[in-house]
Amino acid sequence: MRWSARMDAVKRVRNYLDEIPQVLQDIVDNENEATETRNDANLLFNRILRHELFALLGFWNSVLTWIDRVQKRLQDPTVNFHYASLDLKGLCDYFIASREVLVADSLEEGLNTCRKWQKSCRRSQRVIHDVSIIDELTAKNNMRKTMNEAIDRLHKEMNARYSRLHDLDTKFGFLIDILFLRNGSFADPWACCNTFGNVYSNDIDATELFEEILDCRMLFAGREHLQISNPEELLQFIFQYGDESVFPNLRVAIQILLTVAVSIAGWERFSAS
């Protein structure tokens, strides 16, 4: 889980930020430590106490928490692409709706932490150890641009995956909706069958698929005790009901659905680069 690892790393640094600089300073001041160790600690000390790091810690803490929560949900083997597309769409929309508040809060957190450590942050990203005036406007503008570019890149990548999943949902969604197959809850069953048949014209006859769904619904009506909640259970029912000549189009349609579902199993992890 690459996103989880990144989130944990950011949280740890952010949670212990008050202690890390002091530990590094103690190493620098400890004459019993090797010169190389003290130099490395001093270098790291100066790199940590920067406005950029302070601001980005808060920014990525929020962003990675949102992403990690959704990607864990998408890795659940029980989640189909219908719900996966809804989750990704929700995440994409949330990024756009929250970006201004997220960026503003992260910038403010960075500047407040900067003041707390009495460090000045300039465009050169160089830490000034004596007290001087912080060019807050320049620092904010630079970091605002960086954060917005990061959000735009993430949104573009997530939206591309959402579009693919939504396309699959448009083609296959009615086969996942068992209530539709049993009770006709879907708005337009013929339109769904026709769309599916156009995509898989070599495998499916749309008219026959529509008729088989109606016949299957008729059989369900006489079997109120029958508990079918997903496409796998529906396919098992069809297998048990008769040979391949019974519901041939519905059988193939569900098999295609399940094959596609396996092929998209890796989509829940978008690039972490």
Protein backbone atom coordinates (compact mmCIF):
# COMPACT_ATOMS: atom_id res chain seq x y z
CA MET A 1 0.00 0.00 0.00
CA ARG A 2 2.14 2.84 -1.28
CA TRP A 3 -0.30 5.57 -0.28
CA SER A 4 -0.60 4.17 3.24
CA ALA A 5 3.18 4.12 3.64
CA ARG A 6 3.46 7.72 2.51
CA MET A 7 0.63 8.82 4.77
CA ASP A 8 2.22 7.11 7.79
CA ALA A 9 5.58 8.74 7.06
CA VAL A 10 4.07 12.22 6.80
CA LYS A 11 2.02 11.76 9.96
CA ARG A 12 5.04 10.64 11.96
CA VAL A 13 7.15 13.63 10.94
CA ARG A 14 4.26 16.01 11.53
CA ASN A 15 3.38 14.55 14.93
CA TYR A 16 6.98 14.66 16.18
CA LEU A 17 8.00 17.91 14.51
CA ASP A 18 8.39 19.65 17.87
CA GLU A 19 10.89 17.03 19.03
CA ILE A 20 12.90 16.27 15.88
CA PRO A 21 14.80 19.61 15.65
CA GLN A 22 15.84 19.43 19.30
CA VAL A 23 17.12 15.88 18.87
CA LEU A 24 19.14 16.98 15.85
CA GLN A 25 20.46 20.02 17.71
CA ASP A 26 21.53 17.80 20.61
CA ILE A 27 23.50 15.65 18.17
CA VAL A 28 25.15 18.72 16.67
CA ASP A 29 26.16 19.99 20.12
CA ASN A 30 27.41 16.60 21.32
CA GLU A 31 31.19 16.63 20.94
CA ASN A 32 31.29 12.88 21.57
CA GLU A 33 29.53 12.25 18.27
CA ALA A 34 31.56 11.69 15.11
CA THR A 35 32.20 14.79 13.01
CA GLU A 36 30.37 13.29 10.04
CA THR A 37 27.35 12.50 12.20
CA ARG A 38 27.25 16.03 13.61
CA ASN A 39 27.57 17.54 10.14
CA ASP A 40 24.76 15.36 8.81
CA ALA A 41 22.55 16.30 11.76
CA ASN A 42 23.26 19.99 11.19
CA LEU A 43 22.43 19.67 7.49
CA LEU A 44 19.18 17.87 8.25
CA PHE A 45 18.34 20.41 10.95
CA ASN A 46 18.63 23.26 8.45
CA ARG A 47 16.63 21.38 5.84
CA ILE A 48 13.79 20.59 8.23
CA LEU A 49 13.27 24.11 9.52
CA ARG A 50 11.89 25.59 6.33
CA HIS A 51 8.52 27.12 5.54
CA GLU A 52 8.15 24.81 2.55
CA LEU A 53 8.37 21.71 4.71
CA PHE A 54 6.08 23.10 7.40
CA ALA A 55 3.39 23.98 4.86
CA LEU A 56 3.68 20.79 2.83
CA LEU A 57 3.46 18.58 5.91
CA GLY A 58 -0.03 19.87 6.62
CA PHE A 59 -0.97 19.77 2.96
CA TRP A 60 0.12 16.19 2.31
CA ASN A 61 -1.22 15.01 5.64
CA SER A 62 -4.72 15.98 4.48
CA VAL A 63 -4.33 14.85 0.87
CA LEU A 64 -2.82 11.46 1.68
CA THR A 65 -5.44 10.80 4.36
CA TRP A 66 -8.23 11.35 1.82
CA ILE A 67 -6.56 9.20 -0.82
CA ASP A 68 -5.62 6.41 1.57
CA ARG A 69 -9.16 6.14 2.90
CA VAL A 70 -10.57 5.70 -0.60
CA GLN A 71 -7.84 3.39 -1.90
CA LYS A 72 -8.34 1.03 1.04
CA ARG A 73 -12.02 0.90 0.14
CA LEU A 74 -11.18 0.20 -3.51
CA GLN A 75 -8.89 -2.67 -2.54
CA ASP A 76 -11.81 -4.45 -0.89
CA PRO A 77 -12.47 -7.50 -3.12
CA THR A 78 -16.22 -7.07 -2.61
CA VAL A 79 -16.23 -3.62 -4.25
CA ASN A 80 -17.34 -3.62 -7.89
CA PHE A 81 -16.57 -0.96 -10.48
CA HIS A 82 -19.98 0.67 -9.97
CA TYR A 83 -19.14 1.63 -6.39
CA ALA A 84 -15.48 2.15 -7.25
CA SER A 85 -16.43 4.78 -9.82
CA LEU A 86 -18.70 6.51 -7.30
CA ASP A 87 -15.92 6.57 -4.70
CA LEU A 88 -13.40 8.00 -7.16
CA LYS A 89 -15.90 10.60 -8.38
CA GLY A 90 -16.54 11.64 -4.80
CA LEU A 91 -12.80 11.98 -4.16
CA CYS A 92 -12.28 14.01 -7.34
CA ASP A 93 -15.14 16.36 -6.46
CA TYR A 94 -13.88 16.73 -2.90
CA PHE A 95 -10.41 17.72 -4.10
CA ILE A 96 -11.83 20.53 -6.23
CA ALA A 97 -14.35 21.71 -3.63
CA SER A 98 -11.80 21.76 -0.80
CA ARG A 99 -8.68 22.96 -2.58
CA GLU A 100 -8.89 26.64 -1.60
CA VAL A 101 -9.46 25.88 2.07
CA LEU A 102 -6.82 23.15 2.06
CA VAL A 103 -4.17 25.37 0.49
CA ALA A 104 -4.99 28.35 2.71
CA ASP A 105 -4.93 26.27 5.90
CA SER A 106 -1.66 24.58 4.91
CA LEU A 107 0.01 27.90 4.15
CA GLU A 108 -1.15 29.36 7.45
CA GLU A 109 0.07 26.31 9.35
CA GLY A 110 3.45 26.60 7.66
CA LEU A 111 3.86 30.27 8.52
CA ASN A 112 2.70 29.76 12.10
CA THR A 113 5.22 26.97 12.56
CA CYS A 114 7.88 29.16 10.98
CA ARG A 115 7.18 31.91 13.48
CA LYS A 116 7.17 29.39 16.29
CA TRP A 117 10.70 28.34 15.46
CA GLN A 118 11.68 31.96 14.74
CA LYS A 119 12.97 31.02 11.33
CA SER A 120 12.78 33.17 8.23
CA CYS A 121 11.91 31.57 4.93
CA ARG A 122 12.96 33.25 1.71
CA ARG A 123 12.46 32.41 -1.93
CA SER A 124 15.85 30.74 -2.00
CA GLN A 125 14.47 28.23 0.56
CA ARG A 126 17.49 29.03 2.75
CA VAL A 127 17.03 29.06 6.52
CA ILE A 128 18.18 32.26 8.22
CA HIS A 129 19.26 31.59 11.79
CA ASP A 130 19.05 35.17 13.01
CA VAL A 131 15.72 36.95 13.36
CA SER A 132 14.71 38.77 10.16
CA ILE A 133 11.59 39.76 8.23
CA ILE A 134 9.73 36.93 6.47
CA ASP A 135 8.61 37.68 2.95
CA GLU A 136 5.22 36.08 3.61
CA LEU A 137 3.68 37.11 0.30
CA THR A 138 6.44 35.51 -1.78
CA ALA A 139 6.46 32.38 0.36
CA LYS A 140 2.69 32.02 0.12
CA ASN A 141 2.61 32.55 -3.64
CA ASN A 142 5.36 30.00 -4.26
CA MET A 143 3.77 27.35 -2.08
CA ARG A 144 0.24 28.07 -3.32
CA LYS A 145 1.44 27.39 -6.86
CA THR A 146 3.16 24.15 -5.79
CA MET A 147 0.11 22.87 -3.94
CA ASN A 148 -2.33 23.75 -6.71
CA GLU A 149 -0.12 22.01 -9.27
CA ALA A 150 -0.06 18.89 -7.08
CA ILE A 151 -3.85 18.93 -6.71
CA ASP A 152 -4.32 19.41 -10.47
CA ARG A 153 -2.06 16.47 -11.25
CA LEU A 154 -3.77 14.18 -8.75
CA HIS A 155 -7.21 15.25 -9.92
CA LYS A 156 -6.32 14.63 -13.57
CA GLU A 157 -5.04 11.14 -12.83
CA MET A 158 -7.94 10.17 -10.59
CA ASN A 159 -10.47 11.60 -13.02
CA ALA A 160 -9.00 9.50 -15.84
CA ARG A 161 -9.52 6.35 -13.79
CA TYR A 162 -13.00 7.46 -12.85
CA SER A 163 -13.86 7.94 -16.53
CA ARG A 164 -12.75 4.38 -17.32
CA LEU A 165 -14.72 2.93 -14.44
CA HIS A 166 -17.76 5.05 -15.30
CA ASP A 167 -17.59 3.78 -18.87
CA LEU A 168 -17.65 0.21 -17.59
CA ASP A 169 -20.51 1.05 -15.26
CA THR A 170 -22.49 2.42 -18.21
CA LYS A 171 -22.00 -0.86 -20.06
CA PHE A 172 -22.27 -3.34 -17.18
CA GLY A 173 -24.00 -1.53 -14.34
CA PHE A 174 -27.40 -3.09 -14.95
CA LEU A 175 -25.90 -6.57 -14.51
CA ILE A 176 -24.60 -5.60 -11.08
CA ASP A 177 -27.98 -4.20 -10.02
CA ILE A 178 -29.63 -7.44 -8.91
CA LEU A 179 -32.75 -5.54 -7.86
CA PHE A 180 -33.14 -4.53 -11.49
CA LEU A 181 -32.83 -8.10 -12.68
CA ARG A 182 -35.33 -9.30 -10.10
CA ASN A 183 -37.82 -6.47 -9.86
CA GLY A 184 -37.26 -4.17 -12.79
CA SER A 185 -36.01 -1.30 -10.66
CA PHE A 186 -33.70 -0.02 -13.40
CA ALA A 187 -35.03 2.92 -15.41
CA ASP A 188 -34.72 1.50 -18.93
CA PRO A 189 -33.77 -2.20 -19.23
CA TRP A 190 -33.98 -2.27 -22.99
CA ALA A 191 -31.61 0.67 -23.37
CA CYS A 192 -29.12 -1.10 -21.08
CA CYS A 193 -29.30 -4.32 -23.08
CA ASN A 194 -28.99 -2.41 -26.35
CA THR A 195 -25.88 -0.54 -25.15
CA PHE A 196 -24.30 -3.77 -23.97
CA GLY A 197 -25.20 -5.55 -27.21
CA ASN A 198 -23.63 -2.81 -29.32
CA VAL A 199 -20.34 -3.17 -27.45
CA TYR A 200 -20.31 -6.98 -27.53
CA SER A 201 -22.21 -7.59 -30.76
CA ASN A 202 -20.16 -10.71 -31.55
CA ASP A 203 -21.10 -12.32 -28.24
CA ILE A 204 -24.53 -11.00 -27.33
CA ASP A 205 -27.86 -10.46 -29.04
CA ALA A 206 -29.40 -7.43 -27.33
CA THR A 207 -33.01 -8.42 -28.02
CA GLU A 208 -32.50 -11.95 -26.73
CA LEU A 209 -30.64 -10.66 -23.67
CA PHE A 210 -33.56 -8.39 -22.86
CA GLU A 211 -36.03 -11.28 -23.24
CA GLU A 212 -33.88 -13.57 -21.08
CA ILE A 213 -33.79 -10.97 -18.31
CA LEU A 214 -37.59 -10.79 -18.37
CA ASP A 215 -37.82 -14.60 -18.30
CA CYS A 216 -35.32 -14.74 -15.44
CA ARG A 217 -37.38 -12.17 -13.57
CA MET A 218 -40.44 -14.39 -14.05
CA LEU A 219 -38.60 -17.32 -12.44
CA PHE A 220 -37.51 -15.15 -9.53
CA ALA A 221 -41.12 -14.13 -8.91
CA GLY A 222 -41.98 -17.74 -8.09
CA ARG A 223 -38.94 -18.16 -5.84
CA GLU A 224 -39.29 -15.49 -3.19
CA HIS A 225 -37.09 -17.54 -0.85
CA LEU A 226 -34.19 -17.40 -3.32
CA GLN A 227 -31.41 -15.14 -2.04
CA ILE A 228 -29.32 -13.69 -4.87
CA SER A 229 -27.30 -10.58 -4.10
CA ASN A 230 -24.50 -10.44 -6.69
CA PRO A 231 -23.66 -11.49 -10.27
CA GLU A 232 -21.71 -14.56 -9.11
CA GLU A 233 -24.77 -15.95 -7.34
CA LEU A 234 -26.93 -15.16 -10.35
CA LEU A 235 -24.55 -17.03 -12.64
CA GLN A 236 -24.59 -19.99 -10.27
CA PHE A 237 -28.40 -19.98 -10.38
CA ILE A 238 -28.32 -20.00 -14.19
CA PHE A 239 -25.85 -22.91 -14.22
CA GLN A 240 -28.04 -24.89 -11.87
CA TYR A 241 -31.20 -24.13 -13.80
CA GLY A 242 -30.15 -25.71 -17.08
CA ASP A 243 -27.50 -26.18 -19.75
CA GLU A 244 -25.95 -23.52 -21.97
CA SER A 245 -29.07 -23.29 -24.10
CA VAL A 246 -30.92 -21.74 -21.15
CA PHE A 247 -30.26 -18.00 -20.81
CA PRO A 248 -27.27 -18.16 -23.20
CA ASN A 249 -26.95 -14.39 -23.61
CA LEU A 250 -27.39 -13.59 -19.93
CA ARG A 251 -24.87 -16.30 -19.07
CA VAL A 252 -22.25 -14.88 -21.44
CA ALA A 253 -22.99 -11.30 -20.36
CA ILE A 254 -22.33 -12.11 -16.71
CA GLN A 255 -19.19 -14.05 -17.59
CA ILE A 256 -17.89 -11.04 -19.52
CA LEU A 257 -18.76 -8.83 -16.56
CA LEU A 258 -16.81 -11.00 -14.14
CA THR A 259 -13.83 -11.22 -16.50
CA VAL A 260 -13.68 -7.44 -16.86
CA ALA A 261 -14.00 -7.04 -13.09
CA VAL A 262 -10.84 -9.12 -12.62
CA SER A 263 -8.94 -7.19 -15.30
CA ILE A 264 -9.49 -3.86 -13.52
CA ALA A 265 -8.34 -5.12 -10.13
CA GLY A 266 -5.16 -3.05 -10.36
CA TRP A 267 -6.88 0.22 -11.09
CA GLU A 268 -7.54 1.00 -7.47
CA ARG A 269 -3.94 2.15 -7.13
CA PHE A 270 -3.22 5.20 -9.20
CA SER A 271 0.36 6.38 -9.56
CA ALA A 272 2.12 7.52 -6.42
CA SER A 273 4.89 9.30 -8.29
